[in-house]
Amino acid sequence: MRKYGKKDEVFKIRWALLKNIEDLTEKQISNLVLACDKYPQLAKLHYLKEEFRKFFEIKTKEYALSFIDYFKDLVAQYDIPELNSFCGTIDNWLPYILNYYDYPISNGLVEGNNHKIKNIKRRGYNYRNQENFNLRVLAEFKCS
């Protein structure tokens, strides 16, 4: 029987950490609970991730601002340096984040398309000419 190290145990549940809690299978929940029992820091991080998901359901600017204050206080209680850095980033971008509530538009579609094109470039290892690259991009976007 193989003995698992810390890295293997966390790697085994990586998708359970990323998925929404309500989308997990029973086995994923079981593995997640075992890992969180063994690694309390992981349990804290998972709780904070799930708590932050509530932000995306907020409909008003005032409630968003109060939620961010609440979340920053929560992060301060847990004292996780990486999340303190995350809260600093939120502070730096706060006016722009809150602008969403004045003008609810997103550039997610454009960002997704840019990501697709970058992946085409990566997979192509440089096309012989621009026309081949253009054809590949067109083919990718017609199929999706």
Foldseek 3Di string as FASTA:
>chain_A
DDDDDLVRLCVVLVVLLVDQVVPDDPVSVVSQVVNCVVPVLSVLVSVLVNLCVVLVVDQALVVNVVSLVVSQVSCVVVVDVVVPVVNVVCVVCVVVVSVCNVPVDDCVVVVVLVVVLVVLCVVCVDDPDPVVSVVVSVVVVVVD
